[in-house]
Amino acid sequence: MRSGQQPRTTIFFGIIIMSSSFSQGMVVTIICEAVLQERLIKLLQALNVSGYTIIPAQGAGSHGKRMGDMAGYNTNIEVKTIVTPEISDQLLEKLKQFQGSHALIAFRQKVEGLFD
């Protein structure tokens, strides 16, 4: 729902329920090797994703420790974007191409908040 719109009112078993006036979407989080950054940006652009955030990431997992202790080596990034459910399906499907050759995990969650 865009700003300026009024929340919808629903009556459910005699109880008045106000639905949220916030925007809804799916946040997709990708944690992967930093060498994938440019390819991920191109993928997001190809899907007409209007915005994303990329930050350095450190940690440990099934691919071992990724502490980013040497610039350009053993470094991870975290990419976040908020998209429609349909775009999240397409994005996750296209990310499969990187799984066999790079450390990568991706997941999505339903969100609502102040975004377009």
N, C-alpha and C. Protein backbone atom coordinates (compact mmCIF):
# COMPACT_ATOMS: atom_id res chain seq x y z
N MET A 1 0.84 -1.16 0.00
CA MET A 1 0.00 0.00 0.00
C MET A 1 0.89 1.23 0.00
N ARG A 2 0.63 2.17 -0.86
CA ARG A 2 1.42 3.39 -0.99
C ARG A 2 1.10 4.36 0.14
N SER A 3 2.05 5.24 0.43
CA SER A 3 1.80 6.24 1.47
C SER A 3 0.61 7.09 1.06
N GLY A 4 -0.15 7.54 2.03
CA GLY A 4 -1.33 8.33 1.76
C GLY A 4 -2.58 7.50 1.64
N GLN A 5 -2.45 6.20 1.45
CA GLN A 5 -3.62 5.34 1.37
C GLN A 5 -4.08 4.99 2.78
N GLN A 6 -5.37 4.82 2.90
CA GLN A 6 -5.94 4.44 4.19
C GLN A 6 -5.89 2.93 4.35
N PRO A 7 -5.68 2.45 5.59
CA PRO A 7 -5.71 1.00 5.81
C PRO A 7 -7.10 0.44 5.53
N ARG A 8 -7.15 -0.80 5.06
CA ARG A 8 -8.43 -1.47 4.81
C ARG A 8 -9.00 -1.97 6.14
N THR A 9 -10.32 -2.02 6.19
CA THR A 9 -11.00 -2.56 7.35
C THR A 9 -11.69 -3.85 6.94
N THR A 10 -11.49 -4.91 7.71
CA THR A 10 -12.11 -6.20 7.46
C THR A 10 -12.85 -6.62 8.71
N ILE A 11 -14.03 -7.20 8.54
CA ILE A 11 -14.76 -7.74 9.69
C ILE A 11 -14.66 -9.26 9.62
N PHE A 12 -14.09 -9.86 10.67
CA PHE A 12 -13.85 -11.30 10.72
C PHE A 12 -14.50 -11.82 11.99
N PHE A 13 -15.55 -12.63 11.86
CA PHE A 13 -16.30 -13.17 12.99
C PHE A 13 -16.70 -12.06 13.96
N GLY A 14 -17.18 -10.95 13.42
CA GLY A 14 -17.66 -9.86 14.25
C GLY A 14 -16.57 -8.99 14.84
N ILE A 15 -15.30 -9.28 14.54
CA ILE A 15 -14.19 -8.48 15.05
C ILE A 15 -13.68 -7.60 13.92
N ILE A 16 -13.52 -6.33 14.19
CA ILE A 16 -13.00 -5.41 13.18
C ILE A 16 -11.48 -5.51 13.17
N ILE A 17 -10.93 -5.79 12.00
CA ILE A 17 -9.48 -5.94 11.84
C ILE A 17 -9.00 -4.86 10.88
N MET A 18 -8.02 -4.10 11.30
CA MET A 18 -7.40 -3.09 10.44
C MET A 18 -6.16 -3.71 9.82
N SER A 19 -6.08 -3.73 8.50
CA SER A 19 -4.87 -4.24 7.88
C SER A 19 -3.82 -3.13 7.84
N SER A 20 -2.60 -3.51 7.71
CA SER A 20 -1.48 -2.59 7.75
C SER A 20 -1.50 -1.61 6.59
N SER A 21 -1.09 -0.39 6.85
CA SER A 21 -0.95 0.60 5.78
C SER A 21 0.48 0.65 5.28
N PHE A 22 1.30 -0.30 5.69
CA PHE A 22 2.69 -0.36 5.26
C PHE A 22 2.82 -1.15 3.96
N SER A 23 3.89 -0.90 3.21
CA SER A 23 4.19 -1.67 2.01
C SER A 23 4.57 -3.09 2.40
N GLN A 24 4.29 -4.04 1.50
CA GLN A 24 4.65 -5.43 1.76
C GLN A 24 5.53 -5.95 0.63
N GLY A 25 6.41 -6.88 0.95
CA GLY A 25 7.31 -7.45 -0.04
C GLY A 25 8.07 -8.62 0.55
N MET A 26 9.09 -9.04 -0.18
CA MET A 26 9.98 -10.12 0.25
C MET A 26 11.38 -9.56 0.32
N VAL A 27 12.04 -9.71 1.47
CA VAL A 27 13.45 -9.34 1.53
C VAL A 27 14.25 -10.60 1.19
N VAL A 28 15.10 -10.49 0.20
CA VAL A 28 15.99 -11.58 -0.19
C VAL A 28 17.37 -11.24 0.33
N THR A 29 17.96 -12.16 1.08
CA THR A 29 19.30 -11.99 1.62
C THR A 29 20.21 -13.02 0.96
N ILE A 30 21.32 -12.54 0.43
CA ILE A 30 22.31 -13.40 -0.22
C ILE A 30 23.64 -13.19 0.50
N ILE A 31 24.23 -14.26 0.98
CA ILE A 31 25.57 -14.20 1.58
C ILE A 31 26.46 -15.06 0.70
N CYS A 32 27.49 -14.44 0.14
CA CYS A 32 28.30 -15.15 -0.84
C CYS A 32 29.71 -14.58 -0.90
N GLU A 33 30.53 -15.22 -1.72
CA GLU A 33 31.89 -14.74 -1.93
C GLU A 33 31.85 -13.38 -2.62
N ALA A 34 32.75 -12.50 -2.20
CA ALA A 34 32.79 -11.14 -2.75
C ALA A 34 33.06 -11.12 -4.25
N VAL A 35 33.70 -12.16 -4.78
CA VAL A 35 33.98 -12.19 -6.22
C VAL A 35 32.70 -12.22 -7.06
N LEU A 36 31.57 -12.54 -6.46
CA LEU A 36 30.31 -12.58 -7.18
C LEU A 36 29.61 -11.23 -7.25
N GLN A 37 30.14 -10.23 -6.61
CA GLN A 37 29.43 -8.95 -6.48
C GLN A 37 28.98 -8.38 -7.82
N GLU A 38 29.85 -8.25 -8.77
CA GLU A 38 29.48 -7.66 -10.07
C GLU A 38 28.45 -8.51 -10.80
N ARG A 39 28.58 -9.82 -10.72
CA ARG A 39 27.60 -10.71 -11.37
C ARG A 39 26.23 -10.58 -10.71
N LEU A 40 26.22 -10.44 -9.38
CA LEU A 40 24.94 -10.27 -8.68
C LEU A 40 24.29 -8.94 -9.04
N ILE A 41 25.09 -7.89 -9.14
CA ILE A 41 24.53 -6.59 -9.52
C ILE A 41 23.91 -6.68 -10.91
N LYS A 42 24.58 -7.32 -11.86
CA LYS A 42 24.03 -7.49 -13.21
C LYS A 42 22.75 -8.31 -13.18
N LEU A 43 22.71 -9.34 -12.35
CA LEU A 43 21.51 -10.16 -12.22
C LEU A 43 20.35 -9.33 -11.67
N LEU A 44 20.60 -8.56 -10.62
CA LEU A 44 19.55 -7.70 -10.05
C LEU A 44 19.06 -6.70 -11.08
N GLN A 45 19.96 -6.11 -11.84
CA GLN A 45 19.57 -5.15 -12.88
C GLN A 45 18.73 -5.84 -13.96
N ALA A 46 19.10 -7.06 -14.34
CA ALA A 46 18.35 -7.80 -15.35
C ALA A 46 16.93 -8.10 -14.89
N LEU A 47 16.74 -8.22 -13.58
CA LEU A 47 15.41 -8.48 -13.02
C LEU A 47 14.68 -7.18 -12.68
N ASN A 48 15.26 -6.04 -13.08
CA ASN A 48 14.68 -4.71 -12.82
C ASN A 48 14.49 -4.42 -11.34
N VAL A 49 15.41 -4.92 -10.53
CA VAL A 49 15.39 -4.61 -9.10
C VAL A 49 15.86 -3.17 -8.94
N SER A 50 15.08 -2.37 -8.23
CA SER A 50 15.37 -0.93 -8.16
C SER A 50 16.37 -0.56 -7.07
N GLY A 51 16.61 -1.44 -6.11
CA GLY A 51 17.56 -1.10 -5.06
C GLY A 51 18.07 -2.32 -4.33
N TYR A 52 19.24 -2.16 -3.74
CA TYR A 52 19.85 -3.24 -2.97
C TYR A 52 20.89 -2.64 -2.05
N THR A 53 21.30 -3.41 -1.06
CA THR A 53 22.36 -3.01 -0.13
C THR A 53 23.40 -4.12 -0.12
N ILE A 54 24.67 -3.73 -0.18
CA ILE A 54 25.77 -4.69 -0.12
C ILE A 54 26.70 -4.27 1.01
N ILE A 55 26.97 -5.21 1.92
CA ILE A 55 27.89 -4.94 3.03
C ILE A 55 28.88 -6.10 3.16
N PRO A 56 30.08 -5.84 3.70
CA PRO A 56 31.02 -6.93 3.96
C PRO A 56 30.44 -7.87 5.02
N ALA A 57 30.76 -9.15 4.92
CA ALA A 57 30.26 -10.13 5.89
C ALA A 57 31.39 -11.04 6.33
N GLN A 58 31.36 -11.41 7.61
CA GLN A 58 32.33 -12.35 8.18
C GLN A 58 31.57 -13.43 8.93
N GLY A 59 32.18 -14.59 9.05
CA GLY A 59 31.55 -15.65 9.81
C GLY A 59 32.10 -17.02 9.45
N ALA A 60 31.40 -18.03 9.89
CA ALA A 60 31.80 -19.41 9.62
C ALA A 60 30.56 -20.20 9.25
N GLY A 61 30.76 -21.22 8.43
CA GLY A 61 29.66 -22.06 8.01
C GLY A 61 30.18 -23.30 7.34
N SER A 62 29.35 -23.90 6.49
CA SER A 62 29.73 -25.15 5.85
C SER A 62 30.92 -25.01 4.91
N HIS A 63 31.23 -23.79 4.51
CA HIS A 63 32.39 -23.55 3.64
C HIS A 63 33.61 -23.09 4.43
N GLY A 64 33.55 -23.22 5.74
CA GLY A 64 34.67 -22.82 6.60
C GLY A 64 34.55 -21.38 7.05
N LYS A 65 35.61 -20.88 7.67
CA LYS A 65 35.63 -19.50 8.15
C LYS A 65 35.85 -18.55 6.99
N ARG A 66 35.11 -17.47 7.01
CA ARG A 66 35.25 -16.40 6.02
C ARG A 66 35.40 -15.11 6.80
N MET A 67 36.63 -14.81 7.19
CA MET A 67 36.87 -13.68 8.07
C MET A 67 37.36 -12.44 7.33
N GLY A 68 37.60 -12.55 6.03
CA GLY A 68 38.02 -11.40 5.26
C GLY A 68 39.34 -10.82 5.73
N ASP A 69 40.21 -11.69 6.26
CA ASP A 69 41.45 -11.23 6.86
C ASP A 69 42.49 -10.81 5.83
N MET A 70 42.32 -11.20 4.58
CA MET A 70 43.21 -10.76 3.51
C MET A 70 42.34 -10.13 2.42
N ALA A 71 42.62 -8.89 2.09
CA ALA A 71 41.81 -8.18 1.10
C ALA A 71 41.72 -8.97 -0.20
N GLY A 72 40.49 -9.18 -0.68
CA GLY A 72 40.29 -9.89 -1.94
C GLY A 72 40.36 -11.40 -1.84
N TYR A 73 40.65 -11.94 -0.66
CA TYR A 73 40.75 -13.38 -0.50
C TYR A 73 39.91 -13.79 0.70
N ASN A 74 39.12 -14.83 0.51
CA ASN A 74 38.35 -15.38 1.62
C ASN A 74 37.40 -14.34 2.21
N THR A 75 36.83 -13.48 1.34
CA THR A 75 35.92 -12.44 1.81
C THR A 75 34.51 -12.72 1.31
N ASN A 76 33.55 -12.36 2.12
CA ASN A 76 32.14 -12.51 1.80
C ASN A 76 31.45 -11.16 1.78
N ILE A 77 30.30 -11.14 1.12
CA ILE A 77 29.42 -9.98 1.16
C ILE A 77 28.02 -10.45 1.50
N GLU A 78 27.22 -9.53 1.99
CA GLU A 78 25.80 -9.78 2.22
C GLU A 78 25.04 -8.79 1.35
N VAL A 79 24.15 -9.32 0.54
CA VAL A 79 23.34 -8.50 -0.36
C VAL A 79 21.89 -8.63 0.10
N LYS A 80 21.22 -7.49 0.25
CA LYS A 80 19.80 -7.50 0.62
C LYS A 80 19.02 -6.66 -0.37
N THR A 81 17.85 -7.15 -0.72
CA THR A 81 16.95 -6.40 -1.58
C THR A 81 15.51 -6.75 -1.21
N ILE A 82 14.61 -5.81 -1.40
CA ILE A 82 13.19 -6.05 -1.15
C ILE A 82 12.49 -6.04 -2.50
N VAL A 83 11.81 -7.14 -2.79
CA VAL A 83 11.18 -7.33 -4.11
C VAL A 83 9.81 -7.97 -3.94
N THR A 84 9.12 -8.15 -5.05
CA THR A 84 7.84 -8.85 -5.04
C THR A 84 8.08 -10.36 -4.87
N PRO A 85 7.06 -11.10 -4.46
CA PRO A 85 7.23 -12.56 -4.37
C PRO A 85 7.65 -13.18 -5.70
N GLU A 86 7.13 -12.67 -6.81
CA GLU A 86 7.47 -13.22 -8.12
C GLU A 86 8.95 -12.99 -8.45
N ILE A 87 9.44 -11.80 -8.18
CA ILE A 87 10.86 -11.50 -8.44
C ILE A 87 11.74 -12.34 -7.51
N SER A 88 11.30 -12.54 -6.26
CA SER A 88 12.10 -13.36 -5.34
C SER A 88 12.22 -14.80 -5.86
N ASP A 89 11.14 -15.33 -6.45
CA ASP A 89 11.20 -16.67 -7.06
C ASP A 89 12.24 -16.71 -8.17
N GLN A 90 12.19 -15.72 -9.06
CA GLN A 90 13.13 -15.67 -10.18
C GLN A 90 14.57 -15.52 -9.71
N LEU A 91 14.77 -14.66 -8.73
CA LEU A 91 16.12 -14.41 -8.22
C LEU A 91 16.71 -15.66 -7.58
N LEU A 92 15.95 -16.32 -6.72
CA LEU A 92 16.45 -17.53 -6.08
C LEU A 92 16.75 -18.62 -7.11
N GLU A 93 15.90 -18.73 -8.11
CA GLU A 93 16.12 -19.72 -9.17
C GLU A 93 17.43 -19.44 -9.91
N LYS A 94 17.67 -18.18 -10.25
CA LYS A 94 18.88 -17.80 -10.99
C LYS A 94 20.14 -17.92 -10.14
N LEU A 95 20.02 -17.80 -8.82
CA LEU A 95 21.18 -17.93 -7.94
C LEU A 95 21.72 -19.36 -7.90
N LYS A 96 20.89 -20.33 -8.26
CA LYS A 96 21.33 -21.73 -8.25
C LYS A 96 22.56 -21.96 -9.13
N GLN A 97 22.72 -21.15 -10.17
CA GLN A 97 23.86 -21.33 -11.08
C GLN A 97 25.20 -21.12 -10.39
N PHE A 98 25.22 -20.41 -9.26
CA PHE A 98 26.47 -20.13 -8.56
C PHE A 98 26.78 -21.13 -7.45
N GLN A 99 25.81 -21.95 -7.07
CA GLN A 99 25.97 -22.83 -5.91
C GLN A 99 27.10 -23.83 -6.03
N GLY A 100 27.28 -24.44 -7.15
CA GLY A 100 28.30 -25.48 -7.27
C GLY A 100 29.72 -24.96 -7.26
N SER A 101 29.91 -23.73 -7.69
CA SER A 101 31.26 -23.20 -7.85
C SER A 101 31.66 -22.14 -6.82
N HIS A 102 30.71 -21.66 -6.02
CA HIS A 102 30.99 -20.60 -5.05
C HIS A 102 30.25 -20.85 -3.74
N ALA A 103 30.82 -20.33 -2.66
CA ALA A 103 30.11 -20.35 -1.38
C ALA A 103 28.97 -19.34 -1.46
N LEU A 104 27.74 -19.80 -1.26
CA LEU A 104 26.58 -18.92 -1.38
C LEU A 104 25.41 -19.52 -0.62
N ILE A 105 24.75 -18.70 0.16
CA ILE A 105 23.44 -19.07 0.71
C ILE A 105 22.50 -17.91 0.41
N ALA A 106 21.23 -18.23 0.25
CA ALA A 106 20.23 -17.20 0.00
C ALA A 106 18.93 -17.62 0.65
N PHE A 107 18.21 -16.65 1.16
CA PHE A 107 16.91 -16.93 1.75
C PHE A 107 16.03 -15.70 1.63
N ARG A 108 14.73 -15.90 1.85
CA ARG A 108 13.79 -14.78 1.75
C ARG A 108 12.82 -14.81 2.92
N GLN A 109 12.31 -13.63 3.22
CA GLN A 109 11.35 -13.48 4.31
C GLN A 109 10.31 -12.45 3.90
N LYS A 110 9.08 -12.66 4.32
CA LYS A 110 8.04 -11.66 4.11
C LYS A 110 8.31 -10.48 5.03
N VAL A 111 8.16 -9.27 4.49
CA VAL A 111 8.37 -8.06 5.29
C VAL A 111 7.30 -7.04 4.97
N GLU A 112 7.10 -6.13 5.90
CA GLU A 112 6.29 -4.95 5.64
C GLU A 112 6.97 -3.77 6.31
N GLY A 113 6.86 -2.62 5.71
CA GLY A 113 7.53 -1.46 6.26
C GLY A 113 7.38 -0.25 5.37
N LEU A 114 8.32 0.65 5.50
CA LEU A 114 8.31 1.91 4.76
C LEU A 114 9.25 1.80 3.57
N PHE A 115 8.75 1.32 2.46
CA PHE A 115 9.52 1.20 1.23
C PHE A 115 8.56 1.20 0.05
N ASP A 116 9.09 1.45 -1.14
CA ASP A 116 8.26 1.46 -2.37
C ASP A 116 8.39 0.14 -3.09
